[in-house]
Amino acid sequence: MKNFQNGQDFTTRLNLLLDNELTPEMEREMLAEIKSNKKYRELLSQEKSFREFVKSRIHRKKVSPSLVQSIKAKIHSSGSSEL
């Protein structure tokens, strides 16, 4: 099992874990490391709390279907002109 050498490495892996970007094996290793280290458990809890705080404060505005279609049409037409 990998032992995290510094806080930056752990933070990077923690973000990958929370973003579901780790392989199953790396996820198992990460969770085992967190389980065995109180400081890592606290950091995980803080990061989860922060992410929930941010999510609760962001209000995404809906865009009109016509805007979506317009953007898709422009992408499609610019892709065709490059051929």
N, C-alpha and C. Protein backbone atom coordinates (compact mmCIF):
# COMPACT_ATOMS: atom_id res chain seq x y z
N MET A 1 0.85 -1.17 0.00
CA MET A 1 0.00 0.00 0.00
C MET A 1 0.90 1.24 0.00
N LYS A 2 0.56 2.22 -0.79
CA LYS A 2 1.36 3.45 -0.88
C LYS A 2 1.20 4.28 0.37
N ASN A 3 2.30 4.72 0.89
CA ASN A 3 2.28 5.62 2.03
C ASN A 3 2.41 7.03 1.48
N PHE A 4 1.53 7.92 1.81
CA PHE A 4 1.55 9.27 1.27
C PHE A 4 2.69 10.04 1.93
N GLN A 5 3.60 10.55 1.10
CA GLN A 5 4.79 11.20 1.60
C GLN A 5 4.56 12.64 2.03
N ASN A 6 3.62 13.32 1.39
CA ASN A 6 3.41 14.71 1.76
C ASN A 6 1.94 15.07 1.61
N GLY A 7 1.59 16.21 2.17
CA GLY A 7 0.20 16.65 2.14
C GLY A 7 -0.31 16.92 0.74
N GLN A 8 0.57 17.43 -0.14
CA GLN A 8 0.15 17.75 -1.51
C GLN A 8 -0.27 16.47 -2.24
N ASP A 9 0.51 15.42 -2.10
CA ASP A 9 0.18 14.14 -2.74
C ASP A 9 -1.16 13.63 -2.22
N PHE A 10 -1.35 13.72 -0.91
CA PHE A 10 -2.61 13.25 -0.34
C PHE A 10 -3.78 14.08 -0.85
N THR A 11 -3.61 15.40 -0.88
CA THR A 11 -4.68 16.28 -1.34
C THR A 11 -5.05 15.97 -2.79
N THR A 12 -4.06 15.74 -3.61
CA THR A 12 -4.32 15.39 -5.01
C THR A 12 -5.12 14.10 -5.10
N ARG A 13 -4.70 13.11 -4.37
CA ARG A 13 -5.40 11.82 -4.39
C ARG A 13 -6.79 11.93 -3.77
N LEU A 14 -6.92 12.75 -2.75
CA LEU A 14 -8.23 12.95 -2.12
C LEU A 14 -9.21 13.54 -3.13
N ASN A 15 -8.76 14.54 -3.88
CA ASN A 15 -9.63 15.13 -4.90
C ASN A 15 -9.99 14.12 -5.98
N LEU A 16 -9.03 13.30 -6.37
CA LEU A 16 -9.32 12.25 -7.35
C LEU A 16 -10.35 11.26 -6.80
N LEU A 17 -10.22 10.92 -5.53
CA LEU A 17 -11.16 10.02 -4.89
C LEU A 17 -12.58 10.61 -4.91
N LEU A 18 -12.70 11.85 -4.49
CA LEU A 18 -14.01 12.49 -4.41
C LEU A 18 -14.60 12.75 -5.80
N ASP A 19 -13.76 12.84 -6.81
CA ASP A 19 -14.23 13.03 -8.18
C ASP A 19 -14.44 11.70 -8.91
N ASN A 20 -14.29 10.59 -8.18
CA ASN A 20 -14.44 9.24 -8.75
C ASN A 20 -13.50 9.01 -9.93
N GLU A 21 -12.26 9.46 -9.79
CA GLU A 21 -11.28 9.35 -10.86
C GLU A 21 -10.20 8.30 -10.58
N LEU A 22 -10.27 7.63 -9.45
CA LEU A 22 -9.27 6.60 -9.13
C LEU A 22 -9.70 5.25 -9.67
N THR A 23 -8.72 4.41 -9.95
CA THR A 23 -9.03 3.03 -10.32
C THR A 23 -9.58 2.34 -9.06
N PRO A 24 -10.30 1.24 -9.22
CA PRO A 24 -10.81 0.54 -8.03
C PRO A 24 -9.69 0.17 -7.05
N GLU A 25 -8.55 -0.26 -7.56
CA GLU A 25 -7.44 -0.63 -6.67
C GLU A 25 -6.91 0.59 -5.92
N MET A 26 -6.72 1.69 -6.63
CA MET A 26 -6.23 2.91 -5.98
C MET A 26 -7.24 3.43 -4.97
N GLU A 27 -8.52 3.30 -5.29
CA GLU A 27 -9.56 3.73 -4.35
C GLU A 27 -9.50 2.92 -3.07
N ARG A 28 -9.35 1.60 -3.20
CA ARG A 28 -9.25 0.74 -2.01
C ARG A 28 -8.05 1.13 -1.16
N GLU A 29 -6.91 1.38 -1.81
CA GLU A 29 -5.70 1.77 -1.09
C GLU A 29 -5.91 3.11 -0.37
N MET A 30 -6.53 4.04 -1.07
CA MET A 30 -6.78 5.36 -0.50
C MET A 30 -7.70 5.26 0.70
N LEU A 31 -8.78 4.51 0.58
CA LEU A 31 -9.72 4.36 1.69
C LEU A 31 -9.08 3.68 2.88
N ALA A 32 -8.20 2.71 2.63
CA ALA A 32 -7.49 2.03 3.72
C ALA A 32 -6.56 3.01 4.43
N GLU A 33 -5.88 3.85 3.65
CA GLU A 33 -4.98 4.85 4.23
C GLU A 33 -5.77 5.86 5.07
N ILE A 34 -6.91 6.28 4.57
CA ILE A 34 -7.76 7.23 5.31
C ILE A 34 -8.26 6.59 6.60
N LYS A 35 -8.67 5.33 6.49
CA LYS A 35 -9.21 4.63 7.67
C LYS A 35 -8.16 4.51 8.77
N SER A 36 -6.91 4.38 8.39
CA SER A 36 -5.85 4.17 9.38
C SER A 36 -5.24 5.47 9.91
N ASN A 37 -5.67 6.61 9.41
CA ASN A 37 -5.04 7.87 9.79
C ASN A 37 -6.11 8.90 10.15
N LYS A 38 -6.14 9.28 11.41
CA LYS A 38 -7.17 10.22 11.89
C LYS A 38 -7.10 11.56 11.16
N LYS A 39 -5.90 12.06 10.89
CA LYS A 39 -5.75 13.34 10.20
C LYS A 39 -6.36 13.27 8.80
N TYR A 40 -6.14 12.15 8.11
CA TYR A 40 -6.70 11.98 6.77
C TYR A 40 -8.22 11.92 6.82
N ARG A 41 -8.77 11.26 7.85
CA ARG A 41 -10.23 11.21 8.00
C ARG A 41 -10.79 12.61 8.19
N GLU A 42 -10.09 13.43 8.98
CA GLU A 42 -10.53 14.81 9.21
C GLU A 42 -10.46 15.63 7.92
N LEU A 43 -9.39 15.44 7.16
CA LEU A 43 -9.27 16.16 5.89
C LEU A 43 -10.37 15.75 4.91
N LEU A 44 -10.68 14.46 4.88
CA LEU A 44 -11.76 13.98 4.02
C LEU A 44 -13.08 14.62 4.43
N SER A 45 -13.34 14.65 5.71
CA SER A 45 -14.57 15.25 6.21
C SER A 45 -14.65 16.74 5.87
N GLN A 46 -13.55 17.44 6.02
CA GLN A 46 -13.51 18.87 5.71
C GLN A 46 -13.75 19.11 4.23
N GLU A 47 -13.12 18.31 3.40
CA GLU A 47 -13.28 18.48 1.95
C GLU A 47 -14.72 18.19 1.51
N LYS A 48 -15.30 17.14 2.08
CA LYS A 48 -16.70 16.83 1.76
C LYS A 48 -17.62 17.97 2.20
N SER A 49 -17.37 18.50 3.39
CA SER A 49 -18.19 19.61 3.90
C SER A 49 -18.05 20.84 3.01
N PHE A 50 -16.82 21.13 2.59
CA PHE A 50 -16.59 22.28 1.73
C PHE A 50 -17.31 22.11 0.39
N ARG A 51 -17.23 20.92 -0.18
CA ARG A 51 -17.90 20.68 -1.47
C ARG A 51 -19.41 20.82 -1.34
N GLU A 52 -19.97 20.34 -0.24
CA GLU A 52 -21.41 20.48 -0.02
C GLU A 52 -21.79 21.95 0.16
N PHE A 53 -20.95 22.70 0.86
CA PHE A 53 -21.17 24.13 1.04
C PHE A 53 -21.22 24.84 -0.32
N VAL A 54 -20.23 24.55 -1.15
CA VAL A 54 -20.17 25.18 -2.47
C VAL A 54 -21.39 24.79 -3.30
N LYS A 55 -21.74 23.51 -3.32
CA LYS A 55 -22.91 23.06 -4.09
C LYS A 55 -24.18 23.75 -3.64
N SER A 56 -24.32 23.96 -2.35
CA SER A 56 -25.54 24.57 -1.83
C SER A 56 -25.62 26.06 -2.16
N ARG A 57 -24.50 26.67 -2.53
CA ARG A 57 -24.48 28.11 -2.81
C ARG A 57 -24.53 28.43 -4.31
N ILE A 58 -24.34 27.43 -5.13
CA ILE A 58 -24.33 27.65 -6.58
C ILE A 58 -25.73 27.40 -7.13
N HIS A 59 -26.20 28.35 -7.90
CA HIS A 59 -27.50 28.21 -8.54
C HIS A 59 -27.29 28.31 -10.05
N ARG A 60 -27.39 27.18 -10.69
CA ARG A 60 -27.18 27.15 -12.14
C ARG A 60 -28.42 27.64 -12.86
N LYS A 61 -28.19 28.52 -13.79
CA LYS A 61 -29.29 29.04 -14.58
C LYS A 61 -29.54 28.11 -15.76
N LYS A 62 -30.80 27.95 -16.08
CA LYS A 62 -31.18 27.12 -17.22
C LYS A 62 -30.98 27.93 -18.49
N VAL A 63 -30.55 27.26 -19.53
CA VAL A 63 -30.44 27.92 -20.82
C VAL A 63 -31.56 27.40 -21.72
N SER A 64 -31.92 28.20 -22.66
CA SER A 64 -33.03 27.82 -23.54
C SER A 64 -32.58 26.72 -24.50
N PRO A 65 -33.51 25.84 -24.86
CA PRO A 65 -33.17 24.79 -25.84
C PRO A 65 -32.69 25.38 -27.17
N SER A 66 -33.21 26.54 -27.54
CA SER A 66 -32.77 27.14 -28.81
C SER A 66 -31.30 27.56 -28.75
N LEU A 67 -30.85 28.03 -27.59
CA LEU A 67 -29.44 28.37 -27.44
C LEU A 67 -28.57 27.13 -27.57
N VAL A 68 -28.98 26.06 -26.95
CA VAL A 68 -28.25 24.80 -27.04
C VAL A 68 -28.16 24.35 -28.49
N GLN A 69 -29.28 24.38 -29.20
CA GLN A 69 -29.29 23.97 -30.61
C GLN A 69 -28.41 24.87 -31.46
N SER A 70 -28.43 26.17 -31.18
CA SER A 70 -27.61 27.12 -31.92
C SER A 70 -26.13 26.80 -31.75
N ILE A 71 -25.72 26.53 -30.53
CA ILE A 71 -24.32 26.21 -30.25
C ILE A 71 -23.93 24.90 -30.95
N LYS A 72 -24.80 23.91 -30.86
CA LYS A 72 -24.52 22.63 -31.52
C LYS A 72 -24.40 22.81 -33.03
N ALA A 73 -25.27 23.63 -33.61
CA ALA A 73 -25.22 23.87 -35.05
C ALA A 73 -23.92 24.55 -35.44
N LYS A 74 -23.48 25.52 -34.65
CA LYS A 74 -22.22 26.21 -34.95
C LYS A 74 -21.04 25.27 -34.85
N ILE A 75 -21.05 24.40 -33.85
CA ILE A 75 -19.97 23.42 -33.69
C ILE A 75 -19.95 22.48 -34.89
N HIS A 76 -21.13 22.01 -35.26
CA HIS A 76 -21.23 21.07 -36.36
C HIS A 76 -20.79 21.73 -37.67
N SER A 77 -21.22 22.96 -37.91
CA SER A 77 -20.86 23.62 -39.17
C SER A 77 -19.37 23.98 -39.22
N SER A 78 -18.78 24.35 -38.10
CA SER A 78 -17.34 24.66 -38.10
C SER A 78 -16.51 23.39 -38.27
N GLY A 79 -17.01 22.28 -37.77
CA GLY A 79 -16.32 21.00 -37.93
C GLY A 79 -16.38 20.53 -39.36
N SER A 80 -17.49 20.80 -40.06
CA SER A 80 -17.64 20.38 -41.45
C SER A 80 -16.79 21.22 -42.38
N SER A 81 -16.60 22.49 -42.07
CA SER A 81 -15.83 23.37 -42.95
C SER A 81 -14.34 23.07 -42.90
N GLU A 82 -13.89 22.39 -41.86
CA GLU A 82 -12.47 22.05 -41.73
C GLU A 82 -12.10 20.83 -42.56
N LEU A 83 -13.09 20.09 -43.02
CA LEU A 83 -12.81 18.88 -43.80
C LEU A 83 -12.37 19.17 -45.17
